[in-house]
Protein backbone atom coordinates (compact mmCIF):
# COMPACT_ATOMS: atom_id res chain seq x y z
CA UNK A 1 22.85 48.27 114.84
CA UNK A 2 23.80 46.80 118.09
CA UNK A 3 27.18 46.28 118.70
CA UNK A 4 28.55 42.60 119.74
CA UNK A 5 30.74 43.08 122.79
CA UNK A 6 34.03 40.69 122.76
CA UNK A 7 32.44 38.47 126.03
CA UNK A 8 28.95 38.06 123.51
CA UNK A 9 31.70 37.02 120.39
CA UNK A 10 33.49 34.59 122.64
CA UNK A 11 30.26 32.99 124.36
CA UNK A 12 29.50 32.59 120.43
CA UNK A 13 32.28 30.47 119.73
CA UNK A 14 32.33 28.31 122.52
CA UNK A 15 28.85 27.36 122.03
CA UNK A 16 28.68 23.96 122.05
CA UNK A 17 25.46 22.49 119.20
CA UNK A 18 22.18 22.34 120.78
CA UNK A 19 20.78 18.58 120.31
CA UNK A 20 18.81 19.36 116.91
CA UNK A 21 22.04 21.29 115.43
CA UNK A 22 24.30 17.88 116.26
CA UNK A 23 21.48 15.37 114.52
CA UNK A 24 21.50 17.65 111.64
CA UNK A 25 25.38 17.84 111.48
CA UNK A 26 25.07 13.91 111.86
CA UNK A 27 22.72 13.16 109.46
CA UNK A 28 24.52 15.95 106.88
CA UNK A 29 27.84 13.86 107.65
CA UNK A 30 25.87 10.56 106.94
CA UNK A 31 24.23 12.05 103.66
CA UNK A 32 27.93 12.86 102.31
CA UNK A 33 29.21 9.82 103.20
CA UNK A 34 26.59 7.76 101.11
CA UNK A 35 26.48 10.29 98.44
CA UNK A 36 29.91 9.40 97.25
CA UNK A 37 30.52 6.42 94.89
CA UNK A 38 33.98 5.45 95.99
CA UNK A 39 33.00 5.27 99.55
CA UNK A 40 29.52 3.56 98.81
CA UNK A 41 32.22 1.04 97.44
CA UNK A 42 34.44 0.90 100.12
CA UNK A 43 31.55 0.44 102.68
CA UNK A 44 29.69 -2.26 100.46
CA UNK A 45 33.38 -4.22 99.91
CA UNK A 46 33.98 -3.74 103.51
CA UNK A 47 30.70 -5.27 105.08
CA UNK A 48 30.43 -6.71 108.21
CA UNK A 49 33.15 -8.80 108.24
CA UNK A 50 35.90 -6.49 107.27
CA UNK A 51 39.16 -6.39 104.56
CA UNK A 52 42.45 -6.45 104.47
CA UNK A 53 43.69 -2.77 102.69
CA UNK A 54 45.31 -5.05 99.66
CA UNK A 55 41.84 -7.03 98.83
CA UNK A 56 39.63 -3.74 99.59
CA UNK A 57 42.02 -1.78 97.26
CA UNK A 58 41.52 -4.24 94.32
CA UNK A 59 38.08 -4.24 94.72
CA UNK A 60 37.38 -1.06 94.85
CA UNK A 61 39.63 -0.56 91.80
CA UNK A 62 41.65 2.62 93.17
CA UNK A 63 44.60 3.96 93.47
CA UNK A 64 46.68 4.55 97.41
CA UNK A 65 46.06 8.29 97.06
CA UNK A 66 41.95 7.81 96.10
CA UNK A 67 41.62 4.75 99.30
CA UNK A 68 43.84 6.82 101.51
CA UNK A 69 41.75 10.23 101.61
CA UNK A 70 38.39 8.29 101.40
CA UNK A 71 39.24 6.21 104.40
CA UNK A 72 40.22 9.14 106.13
CA UNK A 73 36.77 10.72 105.72
CA UNK A 74 35.44 7.94 107.30
CA UNK A 75 37.69 7.34 110.19
CA UNK A 76 36.87 10.85 110.45
CA UNK A 77 33.23 10.30 110.54
CA UNK A 78 33.65 7.15 113.51
CA UNK A 79 32.36 4.62 110.05
CA UNK A 80 35.12 3.13 109.93
CA UNK A 81 38.50 1.82 111.91
CA UNK A 82 41.64 0.87 110.76
CA UNK A 83 43.85 -1.49 113.00
CA UNK A 84 46.92 -2.77 111.20
CA UNK A 85 46.25 -4.03 107.81
CA UNK A 86 42.40 -4.60 108.61
CA UNK A 87 39.47 -2.13 107.86
CA UNK A 88 36.33 -2.84 109.55
CA UNK A 89 33.04 -0.40 109.68
CA UNK A 90 32.17 0.63 113.37
CA UNK A 91 28.30 0.32 114.21
CA UNK A 92 28.23 3.88 112.83
CA UNK A 93 29.66 2.20 109.56
CA UNK A 94 27.11 -0.56 109.68
CA UNK A 95 24.08 1.66 109.89
CA UNK A 96 25.51 3.47 106.36
CA UNK A 97 25.86 0.07 105.09
CA UNK A 98 22.57 -0.82 105.79
CA UNK A 99 21.56 2.04 104.08
CA UNK A 100 23.13 0.87 100.72
CA UNK A 101 20.58 -0.67 98.40
CA UNK A 102 21.85 -3.98 97.87
C-alpha cells in the first residue's frame, strides 16, 4: 500500500471540487430542499412576491424553532433571503418554486 505524504494530504484537503462535482452537490442540495414537506410549504407560501414572517408562520403552521431551522437551511443554500421581517426567494429559490407541482 502506497503511503500518502503530508503534502499530498494537504493538496487533497485544499482541492476545490470539479465543475461536475459542484453541479452534483448543487443538485443534491436542491433535491434535499424540495424533499422536505415543510420546506416545500415555505417556498410555496413565500411565492414570487415574498411574505412577512408572521404571515408565513401562520400559513405554514409551524413554531418559531421549526421556521428558523428551515429558513436557515434555505438561506444557507441561497434559496431565501430575509430582510428585516420580509422573506423573499432568490433566483435559485424561484427555480425551486417552479419545480413544485401546483
